[in-house]
Structures are given as structure tokens and as C-alpha cells.
Protein backbone atom coordinates (compact mmCIF):
# COMPACT_ATOMS: atom_id res chain seq x y z
CA MET A 1 22.88 15.34 -13.59
CA SER A 2 20.24 13.02 -13.04
CA THR A 3 20.72 10.23 -11.40
CA GLU A 4 19.93 7.19 -12.20
CA VAL A 5 16.58 5.40 -10.33
CA ASN A 6 17.00 1.93 -9.17
CA ILE A 7 13.39 0.56 -9.32
CA PRO A 8 14.83 -3.05 -10.47
CA ARG A 9 12.13 -5.75 -11.60
CA LEU A 10 12.46 -8.92 -9.33
CA ASP A 11 11.25 -11.99 -9.61
CA LEU A 12 9.45 -13.71 -6.87
CA ASN A 13 10.16 -16.97 -7.77
CA ASP A 14 13.24 -16.14 -7.58
CA TYR A 15 13.27 -16.06 -3.65
CA VAL A 16 10.23 -18.66 -3.21
CA LYS A 17 11.46 -21.50 -5.89
CA GLY A 18 14.97 -19.95 -6.18
CA THR A 19 18.51 -21.71 -5.41
CA PRO A 20 20.15 -20.39 -2.19
CA GLU A 21 22.15 -18.28 -4.64
CA GLN A 22 19.12 -16.68 -6.16
CA LYS A 23 17.12 -16.01 -3.12
CA LYS A 24 20.79 -14.38 -1.47
CA GLN A 25 20.54 -12.18 -4.98
CA PHE A 26 16.92 -11.62 -4.65
CA SER A 27 17.11 -10.34 -0.91
CA ASP A 28 20.36 -8.04 -1.54
CA ASN A 29 18.71 -6.80 -4.77
CA ILE A 30 15.47 -5.74 -2.82
CA GLY A 31 17.05 -4.86 -0.06
CA LYS A 32 19.51 -2.71 -2.08
CA ALA A 33 16.32 -1.08 -3.85
CA PHE A 34 14.85 -0.21 -0.91
CA ASN A 35 18.10 1.10 1.04
CA GLU A 36 17.90 3.12 -2.35
CA THR A 37 14.53 4.10 -3.52
CA GLY A 38 11.53 2.45 -1.21
CA PHE A 39 10.36 0.66 -4.89
CA VAL A 40 10.61 -1.78 -6.77
CA THR A 41 8.46 -4.20 -9.28
CA ILE A 42 7.71 -7.59 -8.96
CA ALA A 43 6.91 -10.31 -11.73
CA ASN A 44 5.01 -13.90 -10.12
CA HIS A 45 3.58 -12.12 -7.38
CA GLY A 46 1.24 -15.33 -7.48
CA MET A 47 -1.84 -13.44 -9.32
CA THR A 48 -2.64 -14.12 -12.91
CA LYS A 49 -3.67 -11.31 -15.45
CA GLU A 50 -7.17 -12.75 -15.95
CA LEU A 51 -7.60 -12.70 -12.32
CA MET A 52 -6.46 -8.69 -12.10
CA ASP A 53 -8.55 -7.99 -14.96
CA GLU A 54 -11.34 -9.43 -13.09
CA LEU A 55 -10.91 -7.48 -10.23
CA TYR A 56 -10.38 -4.17 -11.78
CA ALA A 57 -13.48 -4.95 -13.86
CA GLU A 58 -15.52 -5.89 -10.63
CA VAL A 59 -13.79 -2.18 -8.66
CA LYS A 60 -15.29 -0.54 -11.72
CA LYS A 61 -18.76 -1.43 -11.70
CA PHE A 62 -18.54 -0.73 -7.68
CA PHE A 63 -17.34 2.40 -8.27
CA SER A 64 -20.26 3.19 -10.94
CA MET A 65 -22.93 2.59 -8.79
CA PRO A 66 -25.13 5.74 -8.08
CA ASP A 67 -23.48 7.74 -4.93
CA GLU A 68 -26.43 7.30 -2.82
CA GLN A 69 -26.31 3.23 -3.16
CA LYS A 70 -22.36 3.77 -2.47
CA LEU A 71 -23.14 5.47 0.55
CA MET A 72 -25.43 3.31 2.26
CA TYR A 73 -21.83 1.52 2.33
CA GLU A 74 -19.98 4.10 4.40
CA LYS A 75 -19.46 3.27 7.89
CA ALA A 76 -18.18 6.52 9.42
CA GLU A 77 -17.69 4.74 12.98
CA LEU A 78 -14.92 2.60 11.13
CA ALA A 79 -12.71 5.35 10.17
CA GLY A 80 -12.66 4.08 6.32
CA GLN A 81 -10.88 0.50 7.83
CA ARG A 82 -13.92 -1.47 6.44
CA GLY A 83 -16.36 -0.55 3.51
CA TYR A 84 -16.58 3.45 1.35
CA THR A 85 -15.41 6.44 2.09
CA SER A 86 -16.39 9.00 -0.01
CA LYS A 87 -15.32 11.55 -1.98
CA GLY A 88 -13.00 14.50 0.01
CA ARG A 89 -12.60 12.53 3.14
CA GLU A 90 -9.15 11.96 3.26
CA LYS A 91 -6.15 14.14 2.24
CA ALA A 92 -1.97 13.71 2.99
CA LYS A 93 -0.45 14.12 5.83
CA ASP A 94 0.48 17.93 5.24
CA SER A 95 -2.10 18.84 3.19
CA LYS A 96 -4.95 21.22 3.45
CA THR A 97 -6.90 19.77 0.40
CA PRO A 98 -8.47 16.60 0.19
CA ASP A 99 -7.43 13.52 -2.75
CA LEU A 100 -9.42 13.79 -5.65
CA LYS A 101 -10.34 9.84 -4.52
CA GLU A 102 -13.03 8.28 -3.22
CA PHE A 103 -12.54 4.27 -2.38
CA TRP A 104 -13.18 0.86 -1.12
CA GLN A 105 -11.89 -1.25 1.98
CA SER A 106 -11.74 -4.65 3.32
CA GLY A 107 -9.83 -6.23 5.86
CA GLN A 108 -8.64 -9.06 7.90
CA VAL A 109 -10.79 -12.53 7.79
CA VAL A 110 -9.25 -14.85 10.75
CA SER A 111 -10.37 -17.84 10.71
CA ASP A 112 -7.91 -20.14 12.74
CA GLY A 113 -9.72 -19.35 16.14
CA ASP A 114 -7.07 -16.26 17.02
CA PRO A 115 -8.64 -14.34 19.63
CA ILE A 116 -7.63 -11.22 17.73
CA LYS A 117 -10.58 -11.42 15.62
CA ASP A 118 -12.61 -9.48 18.42
CA GLU A 119 -10.44 -6.66 17.59
CA TYR A 120 -10.91 -6.74 14.06
CA PRO A 121 -14.18 -4.91 12.53
CA ASP A 122 -16.10 -7.29 9.99
CA ASN A 123 -15.89 -6.73 6.06
CA VAL A 124 -18.93 -4.74 4.57
CA ILE A 125 -20.64 -7.15 1.90
CA VAL A 126 -21.72 -5.66 -1.10
CA GLU A 127 -25.26 -6.76 -1.94
CA GLU A 128 -25.53 -5.72 -5.27
CA LEU A 129 -21.69 -7.61 -6.56
CA PRO A 130 -21.56 -11.28 -4.88
CA ARG A 131 -18.40 -11.54 -6.94
CA PHE A 132 -16.57 -7.94 -5.74
CA ASN A 133 -16.65 -9.96 -2.67
CA GLU A 134 -15.60 -13.17 -3.54
CA ILE A 135 -13.02 -11.67 -5.73
CA THR A 136 -11.49 -9.18 -3.02
CA ARG A 137 -11.45 -11.83 -0.80
CA GLU A 138 -8.74 -13.79 -3.13
CA VAL A 139 -7.11 -11.04 -3.94
CA TYR A 140 -6.68 -10.20 -0.58
CA GLN A 141 -4.83 -13.23 0.44
CA ARG A 142 -2.50 -13.95 -2.71
CA LEU A 143 -1.27 -10.11 -1.94
CA GLU A 144 -1.10 -11.37 1.80
CA THR A 145 1.45 -14.39 0.55
CA ALA A 146 3.42 -12.39 -1.78
CA GLY A 147 3.81 -10.02 1.05
CA LYS A 148 5.15 -13.05 3.25
CA HIS A 149 7.64 -13.94 0.76
CA LEU A 150 9.12 -10.40 0.66
CA LEU A 151 9.18 -10.00 4.08
CA HIS A 152 11.36 -12.91 4.32
CA ALA A 153 13.68 -11.88 1.86
CA ILE A 154 13.86 -8.63 3.81
CA ALA A 155 14.70 -10.05 6.85
CA VAL A 156 17.22 -11.89 5.34
CA TYR A 157 18.47 -9.08 3.94
CA LEU A 158 18.44 -7.16 7.50
CA ASN A 159 20.53 -10.10 8.63
CA LEU A 160 17.47 -11.25 11.07
CA PRO A 161 15.47 -14.71 10.94
CA GLU A 162 13.92 -15.38 7.72
CA ASN A 163 10.79 -15.34 9.73
CA TYR A 164 11.15 -12.08 11.81
CA PHE A 165 7.97 -11.18 10.69
CA ASP A 166 5.49 -13.94 10.43
CA ASP A 167 3.74 -14.25 13.72
CA LYS A 168 3.86 -10.51 13.47
CA VAL A 169 1.67 -10.14 10.16
CA HIS A 170 -0.40 -13.99 11.07
CA ASN A 171 -3.52 -12.42 11.30
CA GLY A 172 -2.09 -8.38 10.78
CA ASN A 173 -4.51 -5.62 10.14
CA SER A 174 -3.77 -5.73 6.42
CA ILE A 175 -5.52 -3.63 4.44
CA LEU A 176 -7.07 -4.32 0.69
CA ARG A 177 -8.04 -0.68 -0.85
CA GLY A 178 -9.72 -0.09 -4.08
CA ILE A 179 -9.16 3.34 -5.41
CA HIS A 180 -11.25 5.19 -7.94
CA TYR A 181 -10.05 8.95 -9.14
CA PHE A 182 -13.07 10.57 -10.00
CA PRO A 183 -13.19 12.03 -13.74
CA ILE A 184 -12.39 15.84 -13.25
CA GLU A 185 -15.27 17.60 -14.62
CA ASN A 186 -14.35 20.80 -14.53
CA PRO A 187 -10.20 21.33 -14.20
CA ASP A 188 -10.63 25.35 -13.55
CA SER A 189 -13.07 25.04 -10.75
CA LEU A 190 -10.14 22.91 -9.18
CA PRO A 191 -8.34 24.50 -6.02
CA ALA A 192 -4.66 24.87 -7.44
CA ASP A 193 -3.30 22.18 -4.94
CA ALA A 194 -6.09 19.40 -5.65
CA VAL A 195 -4.16 16.52 -6.97
CA ARG A 196 -5.73 12.71 -7.23
CA ALA A 197 -3.09 11.52 -4.49
CA GLY A 198 -1.09 14.42 -2.42
CA ALA A 199 2.73 13.40 -1.76
CA HIS A 200 2.85 10.77 1.35
CA GLU A 201 4.44 8.29 2.72
CA ASP A 202 2.39 4.94 3.40
CA ILE A 203 2.07 4.00 7.17
CA ASN A 204 2.31 0.46 7.20
CA LEU A 205 5.37 -2.24 6.53
CA ILE A 206 5.13 -2.98 2.79
CA THR A 207 2.42 -1.80 0.29
CA LEU A 208 1.85 -4.18 -2.75
CA LEU A 209 0.33 -2.47 -5.68
CA ILE A 210 -1.31 -4.06 -8.81
CA GLY A 211 -0.94 -2.20 -11.64
CA ALA A 212 -3.63 0.90 -11.85
CA SER A 213 -5.81 1.41 -14.86
CA ALA A 214 -3.84 4.84 -16.38
CA ASP A 215 -0.24 6.38 -15.24
CA GLY A 216 -0.02 8.78 -12.52
CA LEU A 217 2.52 7.74 -10.08
CA GLU A 218 5.67 9.25 -9.20
CA VAL A 219 7.97 8.96 -6.64
CA LEU A 220 10.30 11.64 -4.87
CA THR A 221 13.72 11.10 -5.83
CA ARG A 222 16.58 11.74 -3.28
CA ASP A 223 18.08 14.57 -5.45
CA GLY A 224 14.30 16.04 -5.07
CA ARG A 225 12.44 15.07 -8.70
CA TRP A 226 9.69 13.83 -9.19
CA TYR A 227 9.98 10.72 -10.90
CA PRO A 228 7.28 8.45 -13.01
CA VAL A 229 6.82 4.75 -11.72
CA LYS A 230 5.83 2.64 -15.25
CA PRO A 231 5.42 -0.92 -14.21
CA ASN A 232 4.52 -3.83 -16.94
CA VAL A 233 0.92 -4.13 -16.68
CA GLU A 234 1.31 -7.66 -15.18
CA ASP A 235 3.49 -7.05 -12.46
CA ILE A 236 2.68 -4.97 -9.16
CA VAL A 237 4.82 -2.26 -7.44
CA VAL A 238 5.97 -2.67 -3.88
CA ASN A 239 7.15 0.00 -1.76
CA VAL A 240 8.38 0.43 2.01
CA GLY A 241 6.05 1.77 5.03
CA ASP A 242 6.76 4.00 7.70
CA MET A 243 6.58 1.06 9.63
CA LEU A 244 9.43 -0.38 8.38
CA GLN A 245 11.53 2.53 8.07
CA ARG A 246 10.92 3.20 11.84
CA LEU A 247 12.24 -0.38 12.65
CA THR A 248 14.60 -0.10 10.37
CA ASN A 249 16.01 3.12 11.57
CA ASN A 250 15.77 5.18 8.21
CA LYS A 251 17.93 2.19 6.60
CA LEU A 252 14.74 0.98 4.15
CA LYS A 253 13.16 3.61 2.84
CA SER A 254 9.55 4.99 2.89
CA THR A 255 9.57 7.07 -0.38
CA THR A 256 7.48 9.81 -0.50
CA HIS A 257 5.46 9.32 -3.98
CA ARG A 258 2.13 10.98 -5.12
CA VAL A 259 -0.54 10.31 -7.71
CA VAL A 260 -0.63 13.07 -10.34
CA ASN A 261 -3.83 14.80 -12.31
CA PRO A 262 -3.97 13.71 -15.92
CA PRO A 263 -3.04 16.29 -18.56
CA ARG A 264 -5.54 18.16 -19.34
CA GLU A 265 -7.58 15.81 -22.27
CA LEU A 266 -7.77 13.09 -20.06
CA MET A 267 -8.76 15.02 -17.01
CA LYS A 268 -12.64 13.56 -17.73
CA THR A 269 -11.13 9.82 -17.68
CA SER A 270 -11.52 7.76 -14.26
CA ARG A 271 -7.93 6.39 -13.22
CA PHE A 272 -8.31 3.59 -10.31
CA SER A 273 -6.10 1.09 -8.14
CA VAL A 274 -5.91 -1.25 -6.09
CA PRO A 275 -2.82 -1.53 -2.92
CA PHE A 276 -2.87 -3.77 -0.36
CA PHE A 277 -1.28 -2.19 2.83
CA LEU A 278 0.27 -5.34 4.54
CA HIS A 279 0.20 -4.20 8.14
CA PRO A 280 1.67 -6.46 11.62
CA LYS A 281 -0.63 -6.86 14.43
CA ALA A 282 -1.69 -3.66 16.70
CA ASN A 283 0.58 -5.28 19.47
CA MET A 284 4.36 -5.08 17.02
CA ASP A 285 6.94 -3.11 18.67
CA LEU A 286 8.41 -0.91 16.36
CA THR A 287 11.50 0.02 18.34
CA ALA A 288 14.03 0.73 15.81
CA LEU A 289 16.66 -2.68 15.62
CA GLU A 290 19.95 -2.54 17.53
CA SER A 291 21.67 -3.85 14.22
CA CYS A 292 20.54 -0.57 12.31
CA ILE A 293 21.36 1.61 15.46
CA ASP A 294 25.39 3.35 15.05
CA GLN A 295 26.96 6.04 15.41
CA GLU A 296 26.41 7.86 12.06
CA HIS A 297 23.04 7.03 12.65
CA PRO A 298 21.57 7.42 15.69
CA LYS A 299 18.50 6.30 17.28
CA ALA A 300 15.84 8.42 14.86
CA TYR A 301 12.49 7.67 16.65
CA ASP A 302 10.62 7.12 19.98
CA ASP A 303 9.39 3.26 20.99
CA ILE A 304 5.54 3.39 19.95
CA THR A 305 3.67 0.05 18.68
CA ALA A 306 2.27 -0.25 15.15
CA GLY A 307 -1.39 0.15 16.67
CA ALA A 308 -0.53 3.18 18.25
CA TYR A 309 1.41 4.43 15.14
CA LEU A 310 -1.81 3.69 13.20
CA ASP A 311 -4.06 5.57 15.32
CA GLU A 312 -1.82 8.48 15.27
CA ARG A 313 -2.06 8.79 11.66
CA LEU A 314 -5.27 8.53 10.89
CA ARG A 315 -6.07 11.36 12.84
CA GLU A 316 -3.35 13.23 10.68
CA ILE A 317 -4.76 11.90 7.41
CA GLY A 318 -8.40 12.84 8.10
CA LEU A 319 -10.02 9.21 8.42
CA LYS A 320 -10.55 9.44 12.58
CA MET A 321 -11.83 12.55 14.57
């Protein structure tokens, strides 16, 4: 028997501008979905279709530059956290074969005098594409704002104060990543287990993904089936990361997902996607909330800070030595 997969489409305006009843309904719905599948799709997230289209146009321009030009923006000492990461560098945690992708990352810009600024490397500026730098910055800020609203709704669902996450994610270590899953020119030469993105869970609190340029995203259901996620073009997909799963002692699920290779006739095409990984500051305590621990759900994880956990995971996926 196939189970229905609960990936609801929710309207963020119901929470941000809604009546108390609408806010509660939104909070209940996102909580229920994150409890069951770990995924939702969100409408009215604060970005226009024009902005998203232009973002993709700029991301494509960057990745279509010659490799030697892109490699000038690869800074090995930053462990992929800023700038360009070339093909074959990152793999899923339990995989031996690198993902079939290259990517670009930009991070937090601290502008309010917060001393945490010293902890973050500067963003890498692409000299050839001034608009790329501007638009990635704007999208970062808009997704960060949307993410804060979503965390308010999640806090309410968890019976925490609505602003529980605010001071933890203000000037947090969030990352905007532009990904190019490059064309597979010779499918027969691929290792059998080479895929665009191996089965994995995200590291952070929540991920906000701007609709990809092609299908391929699949989530692993509770009964062990892979289920394709096909959002409306103008929606974003939001999922739980491992940090939120740890904090809630598995109440909210960090669902395993992957990006599969296209059918053979589409192998020679590119796929682009732009996820925003919403991270707290490094000093956030991820110790499980008391309210999520009981006899049926004993404490499942050791206490750890967000920074120490991120460090551990970057080593596992091959970005940090």
C-alpha cells in the first residue's frame, strides 16, 4: 500500500499577515509536515518570479565561464564556505563517489557592528559579473527574512516563545549556494553510483530551496520509497536540517533526499538550483529541548554546539580536511 506523502503547499502570508487563526493553522500545518516528511512548499516567500529568473540567469552566466576563470575563485582554505567549489570536491556523507556538481557559496554580511563579523570570511566578489554579486546578496537577505518567519512558526508549534530562534540566527552562519549539475557527456563512463547529489540530510536548521531548473529532487519516505518533489515554479521548497532534528530530539524530521540523474536522453543538459542553508551562530546550543524528551522518546543525541557540529559534518562530506 502506498502512503500519501504530506508535502503541503503553504502560504507564508498566512503567517506573516494572517489572523491569529490563520497563524495557528500555518504553524500546525508546517509542524505536522515537518513531523511526517520534513518537507513543505511555500508560496509568497518575498521573492518575485522576475528576481528568481534573473538570479538563475546570473548563476548560469557564472557557471558558463571557462574552468580556469572559475578556478580563480576557488579558495581551498575556506573549505567551500565562500566562492567556488570545483567538480568532484563534495560527496554525500556515506558515499565514496563525489557528486556530479560544482557550486558557488556566499555567506553572511554583518553590518551592525556585531563582533561576530570577525568569525566570517568576506564574500568572494566575481569581477566579471557585477550583477551576480548584487543579486545573490539580495536573494540571501530575502531568504533569510523568510527563514526567520518560518522559524517563528516552528517555535510556536514547539510551544516555545515565537522569538526563540531570533537571537540565534541573527547574523547567523547561513549560506546561499548556487549549484550547477553539469551535463553528463559520456554516461557509460560514470561510476555506477555517481549521481548529481547523493542521498543526504542537510546540516543546518532549515533549507529554503528556490525551484530548480529541472526535475530530479526526491525525498525518502517513511516506507523507504523515493518520492519526487515537483513544486510550482514560483514556490520554494523548505526542509528540516539535522540541527533542528537534534534540537527537537527527532520530533521534526531531517528527511533524506537526493538529486537523481536525468533520463539518458537528457544527460547532456545542465541542471541549476539555489538552496539557502539557514544556520544559527556557531555558539547555539543544540542540546535537545526538554519538551521533546519523554519515556517514549529518550534523548537521542549528545550535546553539541552548532559550530562544532558543522565542523564535524564538513569533514564528513569532504570539504574540510
